[in-house]
Amino acid sequence: MIDALWFRLLGWAERIRREERGDSLVNWVVLAVGLAAAAAAVVALLRPALEQAAQGIANFISGG
């Protein structure tokens, strides 16, 4: 399994090396937008838990 991942990574790196500059830039933009969307989804899912934890910390600090 590790060999398959390694060869896939090598193939991906070789393809990136051969691509034109513009295609690579588009890929990076798509990757950045995808990561931003994933981060926003995680924050949206965890928001209630984060708010509850923050309120608990504030209550603890204030002694309430």
N, C-alpha and C. Protein backbone atom coordinates (compact mmCIF):
# COMPACT_ATOMS: atom_id res chain seq x y z
N MET A 1 0.83 -1.19 0.00
CA MET A 1 0.00 0.00 0.00
C MET A 1 0.88 1.26 0.00
N ILE A 2 1.94 1.24 0.79
CA ILE A 2 2.83 2.40 0.83
C ILE A 2 3.48 2.61 -0.52
N ASP A 3 3.84 1.51 -1.20
CA ASP A 3 4.43 1.64 -2.53
C ASP A 3 3.46 2.29 -3.50
N ALA A 4 2.20 1.90 -3.43
CA ALA A 4 1.20 2.48 -4.33
C ALA A 4 1.05 3.97 -4.09
N LEU A 5 1.01 4.36 -2.81
CA LEU A 5 0.92 5.80 -2.50
C LEU A 5 2.16 6.56 -2.97
N TRP A 6 3.34 5.94 -2.77
CA TRP A 6 4.58 6.58 -3.18
C TRP A 6 4.61 6.79 -4.69
N PHE A 7 4.25 5.76 -5.45
CA PHE A 7 4.28 5.89 -6.91
C PHE A 7 3.21 6.84 -7.41
N ARG A 8 2.08 6.90 -6.72
CA ARG A 8 1.05 7.88 -7.09
C ARG A 8 1.57 9.30 -6.85
N LEU A 9 2.25 9.49 -5.72
CA LEU A 9 2.83 10.79 -5.41
C LEU A 9 3.90 11.17 -6.43
N LEU A 10 4.73 10.22 -6.81
CA LEU A 10 5.76 10.49 -7.82
C LEU A 10 5.13 10.84 -9.17
N GLY A 11 4.09 10.11 -9.53
CA GLY A 11 3.40 10.41 -10.79
C GLY A 11 2.78 11.79 -10.78
N TRP A 12 2.19 12.15 -9.64
CA TRP A 12 1.59 13.47 -9.50
C TRP A 12 2.65 14.56 -9.59
N ALA A 13 3.79 14.35 -8.94
CA ALA A 13 4.87 15.33 -8.98
C ALA A 13 5.41 15.46 -10.41
N GLU A 14 5.55 14.37 -11.11
CA GLU A 14 6.04 14.42 -12.49
C GLU A 14 5.06 15.17 -13.39
N ARG A 15 3.78 14.93 -13.19
CA ARG A 15 2.77 15.62 -13.99
C ARG A 15 2.80 17.12 -13.71
N ILE A 16 2.95 17.49 -12.44
CA ILE A 16 3.02 18.91 -12.09
C ILE A 16 4.25 19.55 -12.74
N ARG A 17 5.36 18.81 -12.76
CA ARG A 17 6.59 19.34 -13.34
C ARG A 17 6.43 19.59 -14.85
N ARG A 18 5.63 18.76 -15.52
CA ARG A 18 5.47 18.88 -16.97
C ARG A 18 4.38 19.87 -17.37
N GLU A 19 3.49 20.22 -16.47
CA GLU A 19 2.39 21.11 -16.82
C GLU A 19 2.87 22.52 -17.12
N GLU A 20 2.04 23.22 -17.85
CA GLU A 20 2.33 24.62 -18.11
C GLU A 20 2.03 25.44 -16.86
N ARG A 21 2.60 26.60 -16.80
CA ARG A 21 2.48 27.46 -15.63
C ARG A 21 1.02 27.82 -15.34
N GLY A 22 0.25 28.15 -16.35
CA GLY A 22 -1.13 28.56 -16.16
C GLY A 22 -1.99 27.45 -15.59
N ASP A 23 -1.81 26.24 -16.07
CA ASP A 23 -2.59 25.11 -15.56
C ASP A 23 -2.29 24.88 -14.09
N SER A 24 -1.03 25.01 -13.74
CA SER A 24 -0.65 24.80 -12.35
C SER A 24 -1.28 25.86 -11.46
N LEU A 25 -1.31 27.09 -11.93
CA LEU A 25 -1.92 28.17 -11.15
C LEU A 25 -3.40 27.92 -10.95
N VAL A 26 -4.08 27.47 -11.98
CA VAL A 26 -5.51 27.15 -11.86
C VAL A 26 -5.71 26.05 -10.83
N ASN A 27 -4.86 25.04 -10.86
CA ASN A 27 -4.97 23.95 -9.89
C ASN A 27 -4.80 24.45 -8.47
N TRP A 28 -3.85 25.35 -8.26
CA TRP A 28 -3.63 25.89 -6.92
C TRP A 28 -4.82 26.73 -6.45
N VAL A 29 -5.41 27.47 -7.37
CA VAL A 29 -6.58 28.28 -7.01
C VAL A 29 -7.74 27.37 -6.64
N VAL A 30 -7.95 26.33 -7.42
CA VAL A 30 -9.03 25.38 -7.12
C VAL A 30 -8.78 24.71 -5.78
N LEU A 31 -7.54 24.33 -5.52
CA LEU A 31 -7.20 23.73 -4.24
C LEU A 31 -7.45 24.69 -3.08
N ALA A 32 -7.05 25.95 -3.24
CA ALA A 32 -7.25 26.94 -2.18
C ALA A 32 -8.73 27.17 -1.91
N VAL A 33 -9.53 27.26 -2.96
CA VAL A 33 -10.97 27.46 -2.77
C VAL A 33 -11.60 26.25 -2.10
N GLY A 34 -11.17 25.06 -2.50
CA GLY A 34 -11.69 23.84 -1.87
C GLY A 34 -11.33 23.75 -0.40
N LEU A 35 -10.10 24.10 -0.06
CA LEU A 35 -9.70 24.08 1.35
C LEU A 35 -10.44 25.13 2.16
N ALA A 36 -10.67 26.29 1.57
CA ALA A 36 -11.42 27.33 2.27
C ALA A 36 -12.86 26.88 2.52
N ALA A 37 -13.46 26.23 1.54
CA ALA A 37 -14.83 25.74 1.70
C ALA A 37 -14.88 24.65 2.77
N ALA A 38 -13.89 23.77 2.78
CA ALA A 38 -13.85 22.72 3.79
C ALA A 38 -13.67 23.32 5.19
N ALA A 39 -12.81 24.32 5.31
CA ALA A 39 -12.61 24.96 6.61
C ALA A 39 -13.88 25.65 7.08
N ALA A 40 -14.58 26.30 6.17
CA ALA A 40 -15.84 26.97 6.53
C ALA A 40 -16.88 25.95 6.99
N ALA A 41 -16.91 24.80 6.33
CA ALA A 41 -17.86 23.75 6.72
C ALA A 41 -17.52 23.21 8.11
N VAL A 42 -16.25 23.01 8.40
CA VAL A 42 -15.85 22.52 9.71
C VAL A 42 -16.21 23.53 10.80
N VAL A 43 -15.93 24.80 10.55
CA VAL A 43 -16.27 25.84 11.52
C VAL A 43 -17.78 25.89 11.74
N ALA A 44 -18.55 25.77 10.67
CA ALA A 44 -20.01 25.80 10.80
C ALA A 44 -20.51 24.61 11.62
N LEU A 45 -19.90 23.46 11.42
CA LEU A 45 -20.31 22.28 12.18
C LEU A 45 -19.91 22.36 13.65
N LEU A 46 -18.76 22.94 13.91
CA LEU A 46 -18.25 22.98 15.28
C LEU A 46 -18.64 24.25 16.04
N ARG A 47 -19.30 25.17 15.39
CA ARG A 47 -19.61 26.45 16.03
C ARG A 47 -20.38 26.31 17.34
N PRO A 48 -21.44 25.50 17.41
CA PRO A 48 -22.15 25.38 18.70
C PRO A 48 -21.25 24.87 19.83
N ALA A 49 -20.42 23.88 19.52
CA ALA A 49 -19.52 23.34 20.54
C ALA A 49 -18.48 24.37 20.95
N LEU A 50 -17.97 25.13 19.99
CA LEU A 50 -16.98 26.16 20.30
C LEU A 50 -17.60 27.27 21.15
N GLU A 51 -18.82 27.66 20.83
CA GLU A 51 -19.47 28.71 21.61
C GLU A 51 -19.73 28.24 23.04
N GLN A 52 -20.16 27.00 23.19
CA GLN A 52 -20.42 26.46 24.51
C GLN A 52 -19.13 26.38 25.32
N ALA A 53 -18.05 25.93 24.69
CA ALA A 53 -16.77 25.85 25.39
C ALA A 53 -16.27 27.23 25.77
N ALA A 54 -16.41 28.19 24.87
CA ALA A 54 -15.98 29.56 25.17
C ALA A 54 -16.78 30.14 26.32
N GLN A 55 -18.07 29.87 26.35
CA GLN A 55 -18.91 30.37 27.44
C GLN A 55 -18.50 29.70 28.76
N GLY A 56 -18.20 28.42 28.72
CA GLY A 56 -17.74 27.74 29.92
C GLY A 56 -16.43 28.31 30.44
N ILE A 57 -15.52 28.62 29.53
CA ILE A 57 -14.24 29.23 29.94
C ILE A 57 -14.47 30.61 30.53
N ALA A 58 -15.33 31.40 29.89
CA ALA A 58 -15.61 32.73 30.41
C ALA A 58 -16.26 32.65 31.80
N ASN A 59 -17.17 31.72 31.97
CA ASN A 59 -17.80 31.53 33.28
C ASN A 59 -16.78 31.10 34.33
N PHE A 60 -15.86 30.22 33.96
CA PHE A 60 -14.85 29.76 34.88
C PHE A 60 -13.92 30.91 35.31
N ILE A 61 -13.51 31.72 34.32
CA ILE A 61 -12.61 32.84 34.61
C ILE A 61 -13.29 33.86 35.49
N SER A 62 -14.56 34.14 35.20
CA SER A 62 -15.26 35.17 35.97
C SER A 62 -15.77 34.65 37.32
N GLY A 63 -15.65 33.35 37.54
CA GLY A 63 -16.08 32.77 38.80
C GLY A 63 -17.57 32.52 38.89
N GLY A 64 -18.22 32.53 37.72
CA GLY A 64 -19.67 32.37 37.75
C GLY A 64 -20.17 31.04 37.49
